[in-house]
Amino acid sequence: MKIVSAIINPLKLDAVRDALAEIGAKGATATEVKGYGHQKGHTEMYRGAVVDVKFNPKVKLEVAIEDALVDPVIEAISKVAKTGHIGAGKIFVTPLERVVRIRTDETGEAAL
């Protein structure tokens, strides 16, 4: 089992969710986050003053999946979240040692 974490543009969240549902991902968790990478922030006008925004708003999407879905999930997220611009996001894959469904006490892939 793996956890796929994707940092994406907030405007792409619904489209990514739909793409994940189409390939059989059973659920996901989305968190509003702020960060920076190559973008290094930007400037905005706020009430007539220039404001330096050092962290850009993003969404962190986490999907717990069985190993067989890793590549399809990465492809779905990449295809839908891609903007062609700096700041489109990143995808991280990490091992998932154990899962327990609290309601039923199921463990492993059955708990996903």
N, C-alpha and C. Protein backbone atom coordinates (compact mmCIF):
# COMPACT_ATOMS: atom_id res chain seq x y z
N MET A 1 0.83 -1.17 0.00
CA MET A 1 0.00 0.00 0.00
C MET A 1 0.89 1.24 0.00
N LYS A 2 0.34 2.31 -0.56
CA LYS A 2 1.08 3.57 -0.66
C LYS A 2 0.17 4.75 -0.32
N ILE A 3 0.82 5.86 0.05
CA ILE A 3 0.14 7.15 0.17
C ILE A 3 0.67 8.01 -0.98
N VAL A 4 -0.22 8.50 -1.81
CA VAL A 4 0.16 9.44 -2.85
C VAL A 4 -0.28 10.81 -2.37
N SER A 5 0.69 11.71 -2.20
CA SER A 5 0.41 13.09 -1.78
C SER A 5 0.69 14.00 -2.96
N ALA A 6 -0.27 14.83 -3.28
CA ALA A 6 -0.09 15.76 -4.40
C ALA A 6 -0.37 17.17 -3.93
N ILE A 7 0.53 18.07 -4.27
CA ILE A 7 0.32 19.49 -4.02
C ILE A 7 -0.11 20.09 -5.35
N ILE A 8 -1.35 20.61 -5.39
CA ILE A 8 -1.91 21.07 -6.66
C ILE A 8 -2.53 22.45 -6.52
N ASN A 9 -2.85 23.04 -7.66
CA ASN A 9 -3.57 24.30 -7.71
C ASN A 9 -4.99 24.07 -7.20
N PRO A 10 -5.49 24.92 -6.30
CA PRO A 10 -6.84 24.72 -5.76
C PRO A 10 -7.93 24.65 -6.83
N LEU A 11 -7.74 25.34 -7.95
CA LEU A 11 -8.74 25.33 -9.01
C LEU A 11 -8.85 23.98 -9.71
N LYS A 12 -7.88 23.12 -9.53
CA LYS A 12 -7.86 21.81 -10.19
C LYS A 12 -8.43 20.69 -9.30
N LEU A 13 -8.79 21.00 -8.06
CA LEU A 13 -9.18 19.97 -7.10
C LEU A 13 -10.38 19.14 -7.56
N ASP A 14 -11.45 19.77 -7.99
CA ASP A 14 -12.64 19.01 -8.40
C ASP A 14 -12.36 18.10 -9.59
N ALA A 15 -11.60 18.59 -10.56
CA ALA A 15 -11.28 17.79 -11.74
C ALA A 15 -10.40 16.60 -11.36
N VAL A 16 -9.45 16.81 -10.44
CA VAL A 16 -8.59 15.71 -9.98
C VAL A 16 -9.42 14.68 -9.23
N ARG A 17 -10.33 15.14 -8.38
CA ARG A 17 -11.20 14.23 -7.63
C ARG A 17 -12.00 13.36 -8.59
N ASP A 18 -12.58 13.95 -9.62
CA ASP A 18 -13.36 13.20 -10.60
C ASP A 18 -12.50 12.17 -11.33
N ALA A 19 -11.27 12.56 -11.69
CA ALA A 19 -10.36 11.65 -12.39
C ALA A 19 -9.98 10.48 -11.49
N LEU A 20 -9.76 10.73 -10.20
CA LEU A 20 -9.42 9.65 -9.27
C LEU A 20 -10.60 8.69 -9.09
N ALA A 21 -11.80 9.23 -9.02
CA ALA A 21 -12.99 8.38 -8.89
C ALA A 21 -13.16 7.47 -10.10
N GLU A 22 -12.85 7.99 -11.28
CA GLU A 22 -12.97 7.20 -12.52
C GLU A 22 -12.04 5.99 -12.53
N ILE A 23 -10.87 6.10 -11.90
CA ILE A 23 -9.93 4.97 -11.95
C ILE A 23 -10.06 4.06 -10.74
N GLY A 24 -10.99 4.37 -9.83
CA GLY A 24 -11.24 3.46 -8.72
C GLY A 24 -10.60 3.81 -7.40
N ALA A 25 -10.03 5.00 -7.27
CA ALA A 25 -9.52 5.42 -5.96
C ALA A 25 -10.73 5.62 -5.05
N LYS A 26 -10.70 5.00 -3.88
CA LYS A 26 -11.88 4.95 -3.02
C LYS A 26 -12.09 6.18 -2.16
N GLY A 27 -11.09 7.01 -1.99
CA GLY A 27 -11.24 8.19 -1.17
C GLY A 27 -9.98 9.02 -1.18
N ALA A 28 -10.10 10.23 -0.67
CA ALA A 28 -8.96 11.14 -0.62
C ALA A 28 -9.21 12.17 0.48
N THR A 29 -8.15 12.79 0.93
CA THR A 29 -8.24 13.87 1.90
C THR A 29 -7.60 15.10 1.28
N ALA A 30 -8.30 16.22 1.32
CA ALA A 30 -7.77 17.47 0.77
C ALA A 30 -7.61 18.47 1.90
N THR A 31 -6.47 19.15 1.91
CA THR A 31 -6.16 20.14 2.92
C THR A 31 -5.69 21.41 2.23
N GLU A 32 -6.22 22.56 2.64
CA GLU A 32 -5.72 23.82 2.11
C GLU A 32 -4.38 24.12 2.76
N VAL A 33 -3.38 24.36 1.94
CA VAL A 33 -2.03 24.63 2.43
C VAL A 33 -1.46 25.85 1.70
N LYS A 34 -0.32 26.33 2.18
CA LYS A 34 0.41 27.40 1.51
C LYS A 34 1.84 26.94 1.35
N GLY A 35 2.47 27.35 0.26
CA GLY A 35 3.85 26.95 0.06
C GLY A 35 4.49 27.74 -1.06
N TYR A 36 5.75 27.43 -1.29
CA TYR A 36 6.46 28.04 -2.41
C TYR A 36 7.50 27.06 -2.91
N GLY A 37 7.86 27.24 -4.15
CA GLY A 37 8.89 26.42 -4.79
C GLY A 37 9.62 27.33 -5.74
N HIS A 38 9.65 26.96 -7.01
CA HIS A 38 10.31 27.80 -8.01
C HIS A 38 9.60 29.13 -8.20
N GLN A 39 8.30 29.18 -7.84
CA GLN A 39 7.55 30.43 -7.97
C GLN A 39 8.10 31.52 -7.07
N LYS A 40 8.49 31.13 -5.87
CA LYS A 40 9.01 32.05 -4.87
C LYS A 40 8.04 33.18 -4.54
N GLY A 41 6.76 32.91 -4.59
CA GLY A 41 5.76 33.91 -4.24
C GLY A 41 5.48 34.87 -5.38
N HIS A 42 4.70 35.92 -5.06
CA HIS A 42 4.35 36.92 -6.06
C HIS A 42 3.91 38.19 -5.33
N THR A 43 3.67 39.25 -6.10
CA THR A 43 3.18 40.49 -5.50
C THR A 43 1.74 40.72 -5.93
N GLU A 44 0.96 41.36 -5.05
CA GLU A 44 -0.43 41.70 -5.33
C GLU A 44 -0.69 43.12 -4.85
N MET A 45 -1.73 43.72 -5.40
CA MET A 45 -2.19 45.02 -4.92
C MET A 45 -3.31 44.78 -3.92
N TYR A 46 -3.19 45.38 -2.73
CA TYR A 46 -4.22 45.27 -1.71
C TYR A 46 -4.48 46.65 -1.14
N ARG A 47 -5.68 47.17 -1.40
CA ARG A 47 -6.07 48.50 -0.94
C ARG A 47 -5.04 49.57 -1.34
N GLY A 48 -4.59 49.45 -2.56
CA GLY A 48 -3.68 50.44 -3.11
C GLY A 48 -2.22 50.25 -2.77
N ALA A 49 -1.90 49.23 -1.98
CA ALA A 49 -0.50 48.99 -1.60
C ALA A 49 -0.03 47.67 -2.22
N VAL A 50 1.24 47.62 -2.57
CA VAL A 50 1.83 46.39 -3.11
C VAL A 50 2.19 45.48 -1.93
N VAL A 51 1.69 44.26 -2.00
CA VAL A 51 1.92 43.28 -0.94
C VAL A 51 2.74 42.13 -1.52
N ASP A 52 3.79 41.75 -0.83
CA ASP A 52 4.63 40.64 -1.25
C ASP A 52 4.09 39.35 -0.64
N VAL A 53 3.54 38.47 -1.47
CA VAL A 53 2.99 37.20 -1.01
C VAL A 53 4.08 36.14 -1.15
N LYS A 54 4.61 35.66 -0.04
CA LYS A 54 5.72 34.72 -0.08
C LYS A 54 5.28 33.27 -0.18
N PHE A 55 4.04 32.97 0.22
CA PHE A 55 3.51 31.62 0.14
C PHE A 55 2.25 31.63 -0.73
N ASN A 56 2.19 30.71 -1.68
CA ASN A 56 1.05 30.62 -2.59
C ASN A 56 0.04 29.61 -2.07
N PRO A 57 -1.25 29.89 -2.24
CA PRO A 57 -2.27 28.93 -1.80
C PRO A 57 -2.25 27.69 -2.69
N LYS A 58 -2.30 26.53 -2.07
CA LYS A 58 -2.31 25.24 -2.77
C LYS A 58 -3.27 24.30 -2.04
N VAL A 59 -3.49 23.13 -2.61
CA VAL A 59 -4.24 22.07 -1.95
C VAL A 59 -3.34 20.85 -1.88
N LYS A 60 -3.29 20.23 -0.71
CA LYS A 60 -2.56 18.97 -0.57
C LYS A 60 -3.61 17.86 -0.58
N LEU A 61 -3.49 16.98 -1.54
CA LEU A 61 -4.41 15.87 -1.71
C LEU A 61 -3.68 14.60 -1.35
N GLU A 62 -4.25 13.82 -0.43
CA GLU A 62 -3.64 12.56 -0.02
C GLU A 62 -4.58 11.41 -0.34
N VAL A 63 -4.02 10.39 -0.99
CA VAL A 63 -4.80 9.23 -1.41
C VAL A 63 -4.08 7.98 -0.93
N ALA A 64 -4.76 7.16 -0.12
CA ALA A 64 -4.21 5.87 0.31
C ALA A 64 -4.71 4.82 -0.66
N ILE A 65 -3.78 4.09 -1.28
CA ILE A 65 -4.17 3.14 -2.34
C ILE A 65 -3.34 1.86 -2.26
N GLU A 66 -3.87 0.82 -2.91
CA GLU A 66 -3.10 -0.40 -3.05
C GLU A 66 -2.03 -0.19 -4.13
N ASP A 67 -0.99 -0.98 -4.07
CA ASP A 67 0.16 -0.80 -4.96
C ASP A 67 -0.21 -0.78 -6.44
N ALA A 68 -1.19 -1.57 -6.84
CA ALA A 68 -1.56 -1.66 -8.25
C ALA A 68 -2.10 -0.35 -8.82
N LEU A 69 -2.59 0.54 -7.96
CA LEU A 69 -3.16 1.81 -8.44
C LEU A 69 -2.18 2.98 -8.44
N VAL A 70 -0.94 2.75 -8.02
CA VAL A 70 0.01 3.86 -7.91
C VAL A 70 0.20 4.57 -9.25
N ASP A 71 0.56 3.85 -10.28
CA ASP A 71 0.81 4.49 -11.58
C ASP A 71 -0.44 5.14 -12.16
N PRO A 72 -1.61 4.46 -12.14
CA PRO A 72 -2.82 5.13 -12.64
C PRO A 72 -3.17 6.41 -11.87
N VAL A 73 -2.97 6.41 -10.56
CA VAL A 73 -3.27 7.60 -9.76
C VAL A 73 -2.31 8.74 -10.13
N ILE A 74 -1.03 8.43 -10.25
CA ILE A 74 -0.06 9.46 -10.63
C ILE A 74 -0.39 10.03 -12.01
N GLU A 75 -0.72 9.15 -12.96
CA GLU A 75 -1.06 9.60 -14.31
C GLU A 75 -2.31 10.47 -14.31
N ALA A 76 -3.33 10.08 -13.53
CA ALA A 76 -4.57 10.86 -13.48
C ALA A 76 -4.33 12.24 -12.89
N ILE A 77 -3.60 12.30 -11.79
CA ILE A 77 -3.32 13.60 -11.16
C ILE A 77 -2.50 14.47 -12.10
N SER A 78 -1.44 13.90 -12.68
CA SER A 78 -0.57 14.67 -13.57
C SER A 78 -1.33 15.22 -14.77
N LYS A 79 -2.16 14.39 -15.37
CA LYS A 79 -2.90 14.79 -16.57
C LYS A 79 -3.86 15.94 -16.28
N VAL A 80 -4.59 15.82 -15.18
CA VAL A 80 -5.63 16.81 -14.88
C VAL A 80 -5.08 18.07 -14.23
N ALA A 81 -4.07 17.95 -13.37
CA ALA A 81 -3.55 19.11 -12.64
C ALA A 81 -2.52 19.92 -13.43
N LYS A 82 -2.06 19.37 -14.53
CA LYS A 82 -1.01 20.06 -15.31
C LYS A 82 -1.53 21.38 -15.87
N THR A 83 -0.76 22.44 -15.66
CA THR A 83 -1.13 23.75 -16.20
C THR A 83 -0.14 24.24 -17.25
N GLY A 84 1.06 23.66 -17.25
CA GLY A 84 2.09 24.14 -18.15
C GLY A 84 2.86 25.33 -17.60
N HIS A 85 2.53 25.74 -16.37
CA HIS A 85 3.18 26.89 -15.75
C HIS A 85 3.88 26.46 -14.46
N ILE A 86 4.83 27.27 -14.03
CA ILE A 86 5.48 27.05 -12.74
C ILE A 86 4.40 27.07 -11.66
N GLY A 87 4.51 26.16 -10.71
CA GLY A 87 3.54 26.12 -9.62
C GLY A 87 2.40 25.15 -9.82
N ALA A 88 2.48 24.32 -10.88
CA ALA A 88 1.40 23.36 -11.12
C ALA A 88 1.35 22.30 -10.02
N GLY A 89 2.48 22.02 -9.37
CA GLY A 89 2.46 21.12 -8.23
C GLY A 89 3.49 20.02 -8.29
N LYS A 90 3.39 19.13 -7.31
CA LYS A 90 4.30 17.98 -7.20
C LYS A 90 3.50 16.80 -6.67
N ILE A 91 4.02 15.60 -6.94
CA ILE A 91 3.42 14.36 -6.43
C ILE A 91 4.50 13.59 -5.68
N PHE A 92 4.14 13.11 -4.49
CA PHE A 92 5.05 12.33 -3.66
C PHE A 92 4.39 10.98 -3.37
N VAL A 93 5.18 9.90 -3.43
CA VAL A 93 4.67 8.57 -3.11
C VAL A 93 5.49 8.02 -1.95
N THR A 94 4.78 7.59 -0.90
CA THR A 94 5.44 7.03 0.28
C THR A 94 4.78 5.72 0.67
N PRO A 95 5.56 4.81 1.28
CA PRO A 95 4.99 3.53 1.71
C PRO A 95 3.97 3.73 2.83
N LEU A 96 2.98 2.88 2.85
CA LEU A 96 1.95 2.89 3.89
C LEU A 96 2.01 1.54 4.59
N GLU A 97 2.46 1.54 5.83
CA GLU A 97 2.70 0.28 6.55
C GLU A 97 1.44 -0.39 7.03
N ARG A 98 0.48 0.40 7.52
CA ARG A 98 -0.69 -0.22 8.13
C ARG A 98 -1.89 0.72 8.04
N VAL A 99 -3.06 0.13 7.80
CA VAL A 99 -4.31 0.88 7.77
C VAL A 99 -5.32 0.13 8.63
N VAL A 100 -6.07 0.85 9.45
CA VAL A 100 -7.13 0.26 10.25
C VAL A 100 -8.40 1.09 10.05
N ARG A 101 -9.48 0.44 9.65
CA ARG A 101 -10.77 1.12 9.58
C ARG A 101 -11.37 1.07 10.98
N ILE A 102 -11.56 2.21 11.59
CA ILE A 102 -11.99 2.28 12.98
C ILE A 102 -13.36 1.64 13.18
N ARG A 103 -14.30 1.89 12.28
CA ARG A 103 -15.66 1.38 12.44
C ARG A 103 -15.74 -0.13 12.51
N THR A 104 -14.96 -0.83 11.66
CA THR A 104 -15.08 -2.29 11.54
C THR A 104 -13.86 -3.05 12.01
N ASP A 105 -12.79 -2.36 12.34
CA ASP A 105 -11.52 -2.96 12.71
C ASP A 105 -10.84 -3.73 11.56
N GLU A 106 -11.30 -3.50 10.33
CA GLU A 106 -10.63 -4.11 9.18
C GLU A 106 -9.23 -3.51 9.07
N THR A 107 -8.29 -4.31 8.56
CA THR A 107 -6.93 -3.82 8.39
C THR A 107 -6.44 -4.06 6.97
N GLY A 108 -5.32 -3.45 6.64
CA GLY A 108 -4.70 -3.65 5.33
C GLY A 108 -5.55 -3.09 4.20
N GLU A 109 -5.43 -3.69 3.01
CA GLU A 109 -6.14 -3.21 1.83
C GLU A 109 -7.65 -3.23 2.01
N ALA A 110 -8.18 -4.12 2.84
CA ALA A 110 -9.62 -4.17 3.09
C ALA A 110 -10.10 -2.89 3.77
N ALA A 111 -9.21 -2.22 4.49
CA ALA A 111 -9.58 -0.99 5.20
C ALA A 111 -9.53 0.24 4.31
N LEU A 112 -8.95 0.11 3.12
CA LEU A 112 -8.88 1.25 2.22
C LEU A 112 -10.25 1.53 1.67
